[in-house]
């Protein structure tokens, strides 16, 4: 395992995930107040082994870990939090909005799989594919267990590696997505808010923010006002030009919005539009879930802007320019 020292006493740990991105990069922050972890990884054996190797390489004993901070509730960041908490006995912190999503999506009785199936039905997804999408969502629950005991992250600052870091709520990729910014060094622990080669998935999910793309674009504009020397994301490479990269992502979404507005034409379901947007590749049910939800996020942004209208047609939602 290649662990990179990205700043004084801050280490970047590649934790495997069983997805095309291959790794989620978690961060280990050493300091006088002990070790703090940023994100946990996906719960499956290669990720557990990666943490054990990381602790050995960095000469960390489990009891050295004093806190685990999670940027958001998605399984590749949240999944191993319970296991790490059992190993280290450290408190797990995340924003209260993300805690609410944990209860809705991952706790027993949350019924998110049923909500996803209904989202598919309203979006015009064929029944067989809708069932596969819902089943793929249901299987993820096995990879977030055991659930940790979570403390809401309420403080405006946290201590990492002997420095005070601002807690920045950056909604978009998830409703309470959280970044951490250090004013002296101008470092940003970016989570999935800013990525170097790909655009973070911005999706509309049942029970979540009704216009996540607007929230995301507003978050990016706020981020661009910060002086950032280096952004430390959870996927891909480090980002030295954070403001420039943020603007590139903004422009990508405006191009995607214009394309979806054109495709909507005289009336299309979200599934029909997504099938045209992503026609260049064959999607797995897991990928279809994200493609559909990202299409919905863009369409609802267009509806809010008055650029398309939506109406019910035989139980399905149709979008029309």
C-alpha atoms as a PDB file:
ATOM      1  CA  UNK A   1       0.000   0.000   0.000  1.00  0.00           C
ATOM      2  CA  UNK A   2       1.297   3.449  -0.955  1.00  0.00           C
ATOM      3  CA  UNK A   3       0.391   6.006   1.699  1.00  0.00           C
ATOM      4  CA  UNK A   4       1.184   9.592   0.719  1.00  0.00           C
ATOM      5  CA  UNK A   5       2.160  12.313   3.152  1.00  0.00           C
ATOM      6  CA  UNK A   6       0.221  15.267   1.737  1.00  0.00           C
ATOM      7  CA  UNK A   7       0.947  17.792   4.491  1.00  0.00           C
ATOM      8  CA  UNK A   8       2.682  17.912   7.839  1.00  0.00           C
ATOM      9  CA  UNK A   9       1.230  14.987   9.805  1.00  0.00           C
ATOM     10  CA  UNK A  10      -1.578  14.405   7.256  1.00  0.00           C
ATOM     11  CA  UNK A  11      -1.507  11.119   5.347  1.00  0.00           C
ATOM     12  CA  UNK A  12      -3.594   9.963   2.379  1.00  0.00           C
ATOM     13  CA  UNK A  13      -4.670   6.319   2.641  1.00  0.00           C
ATOM     14  CA  UNK A  14      -6.018   4.496  -0.457  1.00  0.00           C
ATOM     15  CA  UNK A  15      -8.862   2.302   0.804  1.00  0.00           C
ATOM     16  CA  UNK A  16     -10.187  -0.100  -1.882  1.00  0.00           C
ATOM     17  CA  UNK A  17     -13.804   0.003  -3.048  1.00  0.00           C
ATOM     18  CA  UNK A  18     -15.475  -2.525  -5.403  1.00  0.00           C
ATOM     19  CA  UNK A  19     -16.400   0.171  -7.920  1.00  0.00           C
ATOM     20  CA  UNK A  20     -14.702   1.556 -11.060  1.00  0.00           C
ATOM     21  CA  UNK A  21     -13.054   4.379  -9.068  1.00  0.00           C
ATOM     22  CA  UNK A  22     -11.050   1.618  -7.252  1.00  0.00           C
ATOM     23  CA  UNK A  23     -10.253   3.640  -4.110  1.00  0.00           C
ATOM     24  CA  UNK A  24     -11.666   6.096  -1.649  1.00  0.00           C
ATOM     25  CA  UNK A  25      -8.896   8.205  -0.179  1.00  0.00           C
ATOM     26  CA  UNK A  26      -9.258   8.572   3.565  1.00  0.00           C
ATOM     27  CA  UNK A  27      -7.020  10.877   5.570  1.00  0.00           C
ATOM     28  CA  UNK A  28      -5.110  10.224   8.767  1.00  0.00           C
ATOM     29  CA  UNK A  29      -4.290  13.339  10.791  1.00  0.00           C
ATOM     30  CA  UNK A  30      -1.709  12.953  13.548  1.00  0.00           C
ATOM     31  CA  UNK A  31      -1.435  15.511  16.347  1.00  0.00           C
ATOM     32  CA  UNK A  32      -0.872  16.142  20.030  1.00  0.00           C
ATOM     33  CA  UNK A  33      -4.524  15.341  20.686  1.00  0.00           C
ATOM     34  CA  UNK A  34      -4.155  11.958  19.033  1.00  0.00           C
ATOM     35  CA  UNK A  35      -5.043  10.597  15.629  1.00  0.00           C
ATOM     36  CA  UNK A  36      -8.130  11.763  13.732  1.00  0.00           C
ATOM     37  CA  UNK A  37      -9.527   9.976  10.675  1.00  0.00           C
ATOM     38  CA  UNK A  38     -11.406  11.579   7.801  1.00  0.00           C
ATOM     39  CA  UNK A  39     -13.819   9.038   6.281  1.00  0.00           C
ATOM     40  CA  UNK A  40     -13.886   5.293   6.761  1.00  0.00           C
ATOM     41  CA  UNK A  41     -14.386   3.399   3.510  1.00  0.00           C
ATOM     42  CA  UNK A  42     -16.685   0.646   2.219  1.00  0.00           C
ATOM     43  CA  UNK A  43     -17.207  -2.332   4.515  1.00  0.00           C
ATOM     44  CA  UNK A  44     -15.632  -5.348   2.846  1.00  0.00           C
ATOM     45  CA  UNK A  45     -12.453  -7.333   3.571  1.00  0.00           C
ATOM     46  CA  UNK A  46      -9.978  -5.492   1.283  1.00  0.00           C
ATOM     47  CA  UNK A  47     -10.870  -2.196   2.956  1.00  0.00           C
ATOM     48  CA  UNK A  48     -10.464  -3.653   6.434  1.00  0.00           C
ATOM     49  CA  UNK A  49      -7.071  -5.027   5.440  1.00  0.00           C
ATOM     50  CA  UNK A  50      -6.076  -1.616   4.061  1.00  0.00           C
ATOM     51  CA  UNK A  51      -6.755   0.061   7.402  1.00  0.00           C
ATOM     52  CA  UNK A  52      -4.795  -2.581   9.273  1.00  0.00           C
ATOM     53  CA  UNK A  53      -1.856  -2.063   6.918  1.00  0.00           C
ATOM     54  CA  UNK A  54      -2.157   1.725   7.236  1.00  0.00           C
ATOM     55  CA  UNK A  55      -2.093   1.584  11.025  1.00  0.00           C
ATOM     56  CA  UNK A  56       0.995  -0.629  10.876  1.00  0.00           C
ATOM     57  CA  UNK A  57       2.835   1.617   8.398  1.00  0.00           C
ATOM     58  CA  UNK A  58       2.003   4.784  10.339  1.00  0.00           C
ATOM     59  CA  UNK A  59       2.783   3.206  13.737  1.00  0.00           C
ATOM     60  CA  UNK A  60      -0.748   3.797  14.990  1.00  0.00           C
ATOM     61  CA  UNK A  61      -2.359   1.691  17.676  1.00  0.00           C
ATOM     62  CA  UNK A  62      -6.165   1.524  17.565  1.00  0.00           C
ATOM     63  CA  UNK A  63      -6.421   3.338  20.901  1.00  0.00           C
ATOM     64  CA  UNK A  64      -4.478   6.268  19.396  1.00  0.00           C
ATOM     65  CA  UNK A  65      -7.505   7.194  17.282  1.00  0.00           C
ATOM     66  CA  UNK A  66      -9.455   9.908  19.085  1.00  0.00           C
ATOM     67  CA  UNK A  67     -12.113  10.769  16.490  1.00  0.00           C
ATOM     68  CA  UNK A  68     -13.533   9.683  13.140  1.00  0.00           C
ATOM     69  CA  UNK A  69     -15.062  12.434  10.985  1.00  0.00           C
ATOM     70  CA  UNK A  70     -17.289  11.486   8.060  1.00  0.00           C
ATOM     71  CA  UNK A  71     -17.819  13.833   5.133  1.00  0.00           C
ATOM     72  CA  UNK A  72     -21.146  12.203   4.215  1.00  0.00           C
ATOM     73  CA  UNK A  73     -23.286   9.088   4.512  1.00  0.00           C
ATOM     74  CA  UNK A  74     -22.530   7.323   1.218  1.00  0.00           C
ATOM     75  CA  UNK A  75     -21.330   3.742   1.740  1.00  0.00           C
ATOM     76  CA  UNK A  76     -17.823   4.217   0.335  1.00  0.00           C
ATOM     77  CA  UNK A  77     -17.215   6.848   3.050  1.00  0.00           C
ATOM     78  CA  UNK A  78     -19.504   5.661   5.841  1.00  0.00           C
ATOM     79  CA  UNK A  79     -19.481   1.880   5.493  1.00  0.00           C
ATOM     80  CA  UNK A  80     -16.521   1.008   7.733  1.00  0.00           C
ATOM     81  CA  UNK A  81     -17.275   3.597  10.413  1.00  0.00           C
ATOM     82  CA  UNK A  82     -18.919   1.079  12.734  1.00  0.00           C
ATOM     83  CA  UNK A  83     -16.082  -1.405  12.338  1.00  0.00           C
ATOM     84  CA  UNK A  84     -13.477   1.305  12.965  1.00  0.00           C
ATOM     85  CA  UNK A  85     -15.398   2.499  15.997  1.00  0.00           C
ATOM     86  CA  UNK A  86     -15.421  -1.015  17.425  1.00  0.00           C
ATOM     87  CA  UNK A  87     -11.693  -1.312  16.723  1.00  0.00           C
ATOM     88  CA  UNK A  88     -10.678   2.072  18.176  1.00  0.00           C
ATOM     89  CA  UNK A  89     -13.508   2.985  20.556  1.00  0.00           C
ATOM     90  CA  UNK A  90     -13.383   6.471  18.994  1.00  0.00           C
ATOM     91  CA  UNK A  91     -16.440   8.704  18.569  1.00  0.00           C
ATOM     92  CA  UNK A  92     -17.827   9.082  15.054  1.00  0.00           C
ATOM     93  CA  UNK A  93     -18.919  12.551  13.966  1.00  0.00           C
ATOM     94  CA  UNK A  94     -21.004  13.692  11.019  1.00  0.00           C
ATOM     95  CA  UNK A  95     -23.336  16.575  10.210  1.00  0.00           C
ATOM     96  CA  UNK A  96     -26.849  16.236  11.589  1.00  0.00           C
ATOM     97  CA  UNK A  97     -28.343  16.304   8.081  1.00  0.00           C
ATOM     98  CA  UNK A  98     -26.203  13.314   7.161  1.00  0.00           C
ATOM     99  CA  UNK A  99     -27.192  11.599  10.392  1.00  0.00           C
ATOM    100  CA  UNK A 100     -30.825  11.956   9.331  1.00  0.00           C
ATOM    101  CA  UNK A 101     -29.957  10.320   6.008  1.00  0.00           C
ATOM    102  CA  UNK A 102     -28.260   7.439   7.826  1.00  0.00           C
ATOM    103  CA  UNK A 103     -31.496   6.825   9.693  1.00  0.00           C
ATOM    104  CA  UNK A 104     -33.556   7.069   6.513  1.00  0.00           C
ATOM    105  CA  UNK A 105     -31.322   4.965   4.266  1.00  0.00           C
ATOM    106  CA  UNK A 106     -29.291   2.567   6.408  1.00  0.00           C
ATOM    107  CA  UNK A 107     -31.267   1.875   9.569  1.00  0.00           C
ATOM    108  CA  UNK A 108     -33.729  -1.012   9.615  1.00  0.00           C
ATOM    109  CA  UNK A 109     -37.179   0.057   8.493  1.00  0.00           C
ATOM    110  CA  UNK A 110     -35.891   2.990   6.450  1.00  0.00           C
ATOM    111  CA  UNK A 111     -37.638   1.647   3.316  1.00  0.00           C
ATOM    112  CA  UNK A 112     -35.260   3.474   0.969  1.00  0.00           C
ATOM    113  CA  UNK A 113     -35.291   0.532  -1.431  1.00  0.00           C
ATOM    114  CA  UNK A 114     -39.060   0.893  -1.822  1.00  0.00           C
ATOM    115  CA  UNK A 115     -38.650   4.627  -2.395  1.00  0.00           C
ATOM    116  CA  UNK A 116     -36.060   3.973  -5.086  1.00  0.00           C
ATOM    117  CA  UNK A 117     -38.404   1.509  -6.783  1.00  0.00           C
ATOM    118  CA  UNK A 118     -41.186   4.116  -6.755  1.00  0.00           C
ATOM    119  CA  UNK A 119     -38.797   6.761  -8.107  1.00  0.00           C
ATOM    120  CA  UNK A 120     -38.006   4.397 -10.969  1.00  0.00           C
ATOM    121  CA  UNK A 121     -41.681   3.761 -11.688  1.00  0.00           C
ATOM    122  CA  UNK A 122     -42.516   7.466 -11.839  1.00  0.00           C
ATOM    123  CA  UNK A 123     -39.483   8.048 -14.055  1.00  0.00           C
ATOM    124  CA  UNK A 124     -40.585   5.511 -16.653  1.00  0.00           C
ATOM    125  CA  UNK A 125     -37.954   2.865 -15.935  1.00  0.00           C
ATOM    126  CA  UNK A 126     -38.944  -0.580 -17.308  1.00  0.00           C
ATOM    127  CA  UNK A 127     -40.163  -2.834 -14.506  1.00  0.00           C
ATOM    128  CA  UNK A 128     -37.366  -5.409 -14.834  1.00  0.00           C
ATOM    129  CA  UNK A 129     -34.642  -2.772 -14.667  1.00  0.00           C
ATOM    130  CA  UNK A 130     -36.402  -0.986 -11.810  1.00  0.00           C
ATOM    131  CA  UNK A 131     -36.345  -4.214  -9.818  1.00  0.00           C
ATOM    132  CA  UNK A 132     -32.636  -4.679 -10.514  1.00  0.00           C
ATOM    133  CA  UNK A 133     -31.885  -1.085  -9.490  1.00  0.00           C
ATOM    134  CA  UNK A 134     -33.789  -1.486  -6.225  1.00  0.00           C
ATOM    135  CA  UNK A 135     -32.111  -4.829  -5.523  1.00  0.00           C
ATOM    136  CA  UNK A 136     -28.652  -3.328  -6.097  1.00  0.00           C
ATOM    137  CA  UNK A 137     -29.510  -0.570  -3.644  1.00  0.00           C
ATOM    138  CA  UNK A 138     -30.675  -3.103  -1.077  1.00  0.00           C
ATOM    139  CA  UNK A 139     -27.411  -5.050  -1.268  1.00  0.00           C
ATOM    140  CA  UNK A 140     -25.428  -1.986  -0.193  1.00  0.00           C
ATOM    141  CA  UNK A 141     -26.914  -2.225   3.284  1.00  0.00           C
ATOM    142  CA  UNK A 142     -24.666  -5.202   4.012  1.00  0.00           C
ATOM    143  CA  UNK A 143     -21.632  -2.967   3.486  1.00  0.00           C
ATOM    144  CA  UNK A 144     -22.431  -0.342   6.125  1.00  0.00           C
ATOM    145  CA  UNK A 145     -22.913  -2.702   9.056  1.00  0.00           C
ATOM    146  CA  UNK A 146     -22.445  -2.481  11.942  1.00  0.00           C
ATOM    147  CA  UNK A 147     -23.810   1.045  12.170  1.00  0.00           C
ATOM    148  CA  UNK A 148     -21.712   3.313  14.390  1.00  0.00           C
ATOM    149  CA  UNK A 149     -22.911   5.373  17.295  1.00  0.00           C
ATOM    150  CA  UNK A 150     -22.856   8.854  15.749  1.00  0.00           C
ATOM    151  CA  UNK A 151     -22.359  12.223  17.424  1.00  0.00           C
ATOM    152  CA  UNK A 152     -23.719  15.216  15.455  1.00  0.00           C
ATOM    153  CA  UNK A 153     -20.916  17.482  14.267  1.00  0.00           C
ATOM    154  CA  UNK A 154     -22.059  20.821  15.667  1.00  0.00           C
ATOM    155  CA  UNK A 155     -18.817  22.727  16.303  1.00  0.00           C
ATOM    156  CA  UNK A 156     -17.679  25.338  13.743  1.00  0.00           C
ATOM    157  CA  UNK A 157     -14.107  24.063  14.035  1.00  0.00           C
ATOM    158  CA  UNK A 158     -12.331  20.775  14.709  1.00  0.00           C
ATOM    159  CA  UNK A 159      -8.729  20.078  15.686  1.00  0.00           C
ATOM    160  CA  UNK A 160      -6.713  18.112  13.144  1.00  0.00           C
ATOM    161  CA  UNK A 161      -2.939  17.659  13.333  1.00  0.00           C
ATOM    162  CA  UNK A 162      -2.618  20.390  15.945  1.00  0.00           C
ATOM    163  CA  UNK A 163      -4.477  23.003  13.875  1.00  0.00           C
ATOM    164  CA  UNK A 164      -8.001  24.389  13.909  1.00  0.00           C
ATOM    165  CA  UNK A 165      -9.956  23.507  10.768  1.00  0.00           C
ATOM    166  CA  UNK A 166     -13.227  25.156   9.778  1.00  0.00           C
ATOM    167  CA  UNK A 167     -16.215  22.873   9.285  1.00  0.00           C
ATOM    168  CA  UNK A 168     -17.809  23.788   5.942  1.00  0.00           C
ATOM    169  CA  UNK A 169     -21.209  22.408   4.999  1.00  0.00           C
ATOM    170  CA  UNK A 170     -21.192  22.004   1.222  1.00  0.00           C
ATOM    171  CA  UNK A 171     -24.524  20.512   0.083  1.00  0.00           C
ATOM    172  CA  UNK A 172     -24.918  19.012  -3.361  1.00  0.00           C
ATOM    173  CA  UNK A 173     -23.320  15.590  -3.564  1.00  0.00           C
ATOM    174  CA  UNK A 174     -25.258  14.920  -0.377  1.00  0.00           C
ATOM    175  CA  UNK A 175     -27.418  17.285   1.630  1.00  0.00           C
ATOM    176  CA  UNK A 176     -25.049  17.744   4.553  1.00  0.00           C
ATOM    177  CA  UNK A 177     -21.756  17.010   2.819  1.00  0.00           C
ATOM    178  CA  UNK A 178     -18.936  18.425   4.927  1.00  0.00           C
ATOM    179  CA  UNK A 179     -15.493  19.744   4.007  1.00  0.00           C
ATOM    180  CA  UNK A 180     -12.739  20.912   6.359  1.00  0.00           C
ATOM    181  CA  UNK A 181     -10.626  24.022   5.677  1.00  0.00           C
ATOM    182  CA  UNK A 182      -7.425  25.128   7.364  1.00  0.00           C
ATOM    183  CA  UNK A 183      -6.936  28.892   7.196  1.00  0.00           C
ATOM    184  CA  UNK A 184      -3.167  28.990   7.765  1.00  0.00           C
ATOM    185  CA  UNK A 185      -2.151  26.332   5.251  1.00  0.00           C
ATOM    186  CA  UNK A 186      -5.153  26.935   2.944  1.00  0.00           C
ATOM    187  CA  UNK A 187      -5.719  23.182   2.729  1.00  0.00           C
ATOM    188  CA  UNK A 188      -9.170  21.783   1.997  1.00  0.00           C
ATOM    189  CA  UNK A 189     -10.248  18.262   2.907  1.00  0.00           C
ATOM    190  CA  UNK A 190     -12.758  18.115   0.080  1.00  0.00           C
ATOM    191  CA  UNK A 191     -14.519  14.756   0.373  1.00  0.00           C
ATOM    192  CA  UNK A 192     -16.562  14.279  -2.807  1.00  0.00           C
ATOM    193  CA  UNK A 193     -17.360  17.974  -3.225  1.00  0.00           C
ATOM    194  CA  UNK A 194     -14.523  18.625  -5.662  1.00  0.00           C
ATOM    195  CA  UNK A 195     -12.823  15.966  -7.813  1.00  0.00           C
ATOM    196  CA  UNK A 196     -10.011  16.403 -10.291  1.00  0.00           C
ATOM    197  CA  UNK A 197     -10.969  14.324 -13.350  1.00  0.00           C
ATOM    198  CA  UNK A 198     -14.636  13.458 -12.952  1.00  0.00           C
ATOM    199  CA  UNK A 199     -17.610  15.478 -11.783  1.00  0.00           C
ATOM    200  CA  UNK A 200     -19.148  14.512  -8.443  1.00  0.00           C
ATOM    201  CA  UNK A 201     -22.507  12.809  -8.839  1.00  0.00           C
ATOM    202  CA  UNK A 202     -25.316  15.245  -8.043  1.00  0.00           C
ATOM    203  CA  UNK A 203     -28.520  13.275  -7.630  1.00  0.00           C
ATOM    204  CA  UNK A 204     -32.104  13.762  -6.573  1.00  0.00           C
ATOM    205  CA  UNK A 205     -33.018  11.087  -4.026  1.00  0.00           C
ATOM    206  CA  UNK A 206     -36.325  10.368  -2.302  1.00  0.00           C
ATOM    207  CA  UNK A 207     -36.617  12.351   0.914  1.00  0.00           C
ATOM    208  CA  UNK A 208     -33.570  14.507   0.202  1.00  0.00           C
ATOM    209  CA  UNK A 209     -33.083  18.100  -1.005  1.00  0.00           C
ATOM    210  CA  UNK A 210     -35.614  18.913  -3.768  1.00  0.00           C
ATOM    211  CA  UNK A 211     -33.052  20.854  -5.831  1.00  0.00           C
ATOM    212  CA  UNK A 212     -29.606  19.401  -5.103  1.00  0.00           C
ATOM    213  CA  UNK A 213     -27.999  20.802  -8.244  1.00  0.00           C
ATOM    214  CA  UNK A 214     -28.846  24.363  -7.261  1.00  0.00           C
ATOM    215  CA  UNK A 215     -27.464  23.673  -3.774  1.00  0.00           C
ATOM    216  CA  UNK A 216     -24.299  22.241  -5.320  1.00  0.00           C
ATOM    217  CA  UNK A 217     -23.692  25.142  -7.687  1.00  0.00           C
ATOM    218  CA  UNK A 218     -24.168  27.582  -4.818  1.00  0.00           C
ATOM    219  CA  UNK A 219     -21.695  25.556  -2.730  1.00  0.00           C
ATOM    220  CA  UNK A 220     -19.147  25.657  -5.547  1.00  0.00           C
ATOM    221  CA  UNK A 221     -19.469  29.427  -5.865  1.00  0.00           C
ATOM    222  CA  UNK A 222     -18.846  29.808  -2.125  1.00  0.00           C
ATOM    223  CA  UNK A 223     -15.889  27.453  -2.332  1.00  0.00           C
ATOM    224  CA  UNK A 224     -14.346  29.446  -5.177  1.00  0.00           C
ATOM    225  CA  UNK A 225     -14.104  32.464  -2.865  1.00  0.00           C
ATOM    226  CA  UNK A 226     -11.760  30.619  -0.508  1.00  0.00           C
ATOM    227  CA  UNK A 227      -8.023  30.793  -0.960  1.00  0.00           C
ATOM    228  CA  UNK A 228      -7.137  27.115  -1.386  1.00  0.00           C
ATOM    229  CA  UNK A 229      -3.532  26.039  -1.818  1.00  0.00           C
ATOM    230  CA  UNK A 230      -4.411  22.369  -2.254  1.00  0.00           C
ATOM    231  CA  UNK A 231      -7.643  20.396  -2.182  1.00  0.00           C
ATOM    232  CA  UNK A 232      -7.467  16.860  -0.804  1.00  0.00           C
ATOM    233  CA  UNK A 233     -10.361  14.930  -2.384  1.00  0.00           C
ATOM    234  CA  UNK A 234     -11.666  11.454  -1.641  1.00  0.00           C
ATOM    235  CA  UNK A 235     -11.235  10.203  -5.212  1.00  0.00           C
ATOM    236  CA  UNK A 236      -8.645  10.916  -7.877  1.00  0.00           C
ATOM    237  CA  UNK A 237      -5.677  13.234  -7.651  1.00  0.00           C
ATOM    238  CA  UNK A 238      -4.918  16.237  -5.491  1.00  0.00           C
ATOM    239  CA  UNK A 239      -6.212  19.554  -6.824  1.00  0.00           C
ATOM    240  CA  UNK A 240      -3.882  22.559  -6.920  1.00  0.00           C
ATOM    241  CA  UNK A 241      -6.276  24.803  -8.874  1.00  0.00           C
ATOM    242  CA  UNK A 242      -9.457  24.433  -6.833  1.00  0.00           C
ATOM    243  CA  UNK A 243     -11.196  27.608  -8.043  1.00  0.00           C
ATOM    244  CA  UNK A 244     -10.477  26.763 -11.678  1.00  0.00           C
ATOM    245  CA  UNK A 245     -11.682  23.200 -11.207  1.00  0.00           C
ATOM    246  CA  UNK A 246     -14.857  24.430  -9.496  1.00  0.00           C
ATOM    247  CA  UNK A 247     -15.601  26.675 -12.479  1.00  0.00           C
ATOM    248  CA  UNK A 248     -15.007  23.789 -14.892  1.00  0.00           C
ATOM    249  CA  UNK A 249     -17.573  21.725 -13.007  1.00  0.00           C
ATOM    250  CA  UNK A 250     -20.070  24.602 -13.007  1.00  0.00           C
ATOM    251  CA  UNK A 251     -19.732  24.933 -16.780  1.00  0.00           C
ATOM    252  CA  UNK A 252     -20.132  21.170 -17.217  1.00  0.00           C
ATOM    253  CA  UNK A 253     -23.476  21.286 -15.435  1.00  0.00           C
ATOM    254  CA  UNK A 254     -24.701  24.247 -17.462  1.00  0.00           C
ATOM    255  CA  UNK A 255     -23.877  22.342 -20.656  1.00  0.00           C
ATOM    256  CA  UNK A 256     -25.668  19.272 -19.313  1.00  0.00           C
ATOM    257  CA  UNK A 257     -28.699  21.395 -18.396  1.00  0.00           C
ATOM    258  CA  UNK A 258     -28.889  22.826 -21.915  1.00  0.00           C
ATOM    259  CA  UNK A 259     -28.646  19.340 -23.414  1.00  0.00           C
ATOM    260  CA  UNK A 260     -31.409  17.946 -21.204  1.00  0.00           C
ATOM    261  CA  UNK A 261     -33.621  20.933 -21.955  1.00  0.00           C
ATOM    262  CA  UNK A 262     -33.207  20.204 -25.660  1.00  0.00           C
ATOM    263  CA  UNK A 263     -33.807  16.462 -25.285  1.00  0.00           C
ATOM    264  CA  UNK A 264     -36.978  17.027 -23.248  1.00  0.00           C
ATOM    265  CA  UNK A 265     -38.533  18.574 -26.356  1.00  0.00           C
ATOM    266  CA  UNK A 266     -42.229  17.826 -26.538  1.00  0.00           C
ATOM    267  CA  UNK A 267     -42.178  15.397 -23.629  1.00  0.00           C
ATOM    268  CA  UNK A 268     -39.862  12.727 -22.245  1.00  0.00           C
ATOM    269  CA  UNK A 269     -39.611  10.765 -18.996  1.00  0.00           C
ATOM    270  CA  UNK A 270     -36.454  11.007 -16.924  1.00  0.00           C
ATOM    271  CA  UNK A 271     -35.564   7.470 -18.010  1.00  0.00           C
ATOM    272  CA  UNK A 272     -35.901   8.355 -21.695  1.00  0.00           C
ATOM    273  CA  UNK A 273     -33.705  11.409 -21.223  1.00  0.00           C
ATOM    274  CA  UNK A 274     -31.104   9.501 -19.203  1.00  0.00           C
ATOM    275  CA  UNK A 275     -30.970   6.768 -21.855  1.00  0.00           C
ATOM    276  CA  UNK A 276     -29.989   9.397 -24.435  1.00  0.00           C
ATOM    277  CA  UNK A 277     -27.529  11.227 -22.180  1.00  0.00           C
ATOM    278  CA  UNK A 278     -25.708   8.020 -21.251  1.00  0.00           C
ATOM    279  CA  UNK A 279     -26.121   6.185 -24.566  1.00  0.00           C
ATOM    280  CA  UNK A 280     -22.334   6.047 -25.031  1.00  0.00           C
ATOM    281  CA  UNK A 281     -21.937   3.294 -22.430  1.00  0.00           C
ATOM    282  CA  UNK A 282     -23.706   0.221 -21.077  1.00  0.00           C
ATOM    283  CA  UNK A 283     -24.792   0.780 -17.486  1.00  0.00           C
ATOM    284  CA  UNK A 284     -25.097  -1.708 -14.650  1.00  0.00           C
ATOM    285  CA  UNK A 285     -28.175  -1.434 -12.403  1.00  0.00           C
ATOM    286  CA  UNK A 286     -25.970   0.296  -9.812  1.00  0.00           C
ATOM    287  CA  UNK A 287     -24.859   2.840 -12.425  1.00  0.00           C
ATOM    288  CA  UNK A 288     -28.393   3.248 -13.725  1.00  0.00           C
ATOM    289  CA  UNK A 289     -29.505   4.347 -10.271  1.00  0.00           C
ATOM    290  CA  UNK A 290     -27.003   7.189 -10.314  1.00  0.00           C
ATOM    291  CA  UNK A 291     -27.673   8.064 -13.966  1.00  0.00           C
ATOM    292  CA  UNK A 292     -31.393   8.328 -13.308  1.00  0.00           C
ATOM    293  CA  UNK A 293     -31.029  10.302 -10.083  1.00  0.00           C
ATOM    294  CA  UNK A 294     -28.535  12.706 -11.670  1.00  0.00           C
ATOM    295  CA  UNK A 295     -30.886  13.229 -14.610  1.00  0.00           C
ATOM    296  CA  UNK A 296     -33.706  13.992 -12.174  1.00  0.00           C
ATOM    297  CA  UNK A 297     -31.515  16.529 -10.366  1.00  0.00           C
ATOM    298  CA  UNK A 298     -30.916  18.410 -13.614  1.00  0.00           C
ATOM    299  CA  UNK A 299     -34.541  18.204 -14.700  1.00  0.00           C
ATOM    300  CA  UNK A 300     -35.832  19.533 -11.387  1.00  0.00           C
ATOM    301  CA  UNK A 301     -33.341  22.404 -11.638  1.00  0.00           C
ATOM    302  CA  UNK A 302     -34.779  23.196 -15.078  1.00  0.00           C
ATOM    303  CA  UNK A 303     -38.321  23.033 -13.693  1.00  0.00           C
ATOM    304  CA  UNK A 304     -37.428  25.456 -10.894  1.00  0.00           C
ATOM    305  CA  UNK A 305     -35.894  27.819 -13.474  1.00  0.00           C
ATOM    306  CA  UNK A 306     -39.016  27.670 -15.637  1.00  0.00           C
ATOM    307  CA  UNK A 307     -37.106  26.155 -18.552  1.00  0.00           C
ATOM    308  CA  UNK A 308     -39.136  22.929 -18.626  1.00  0.00           C
ATOM    309  CA  UNK A 309     -42.469  21.899 -17.173  1.00  0.00           C
ATOM    310  CA  UNK A 310     -43.481  18.542 -15.782  1.00  0.00           C
ATOM    311  CA  UNK A 311     -46.803  16.775 -15.698  1.00  0.00           C
ATOM    312  CA  UNK A 312     -48.197  13.395 -14.775  1.00  0.00           C
ATOM    313  CA  UNK A 313     -49.042  11.024 -17.604  1.00  0.00           C
ATOM    314  CA  UNK A 314     -50.519   7.650 -16.641  1.00  0.00           C
ATOM    315  CA  UNK A 315     -48.608   7.583 -13.353  1.00  0.00           C
ATOM    316  CA  UNK A 316     -45.317   8.694 -14.853  1.00  0.00           C
ATOM    317  CA  UNK A 317     -43.723  12.140 -14.816  1.00  0.00           C
ATOM    318  CA  UNK A 318     -43.072  13.711 -18.207  1.00  0.00           C
ATOM    319  CA  UNK A 319     -40.780  16.707 -18.709  1.00  0.00           C
ATOM    320  CA  UNK A 320     -41.425  19.084 -21.592  1.00  0.00           C
ATOM    321  CA  UNK A 321     -39.674  22.194 -22.845  1.00  0.00           C
END
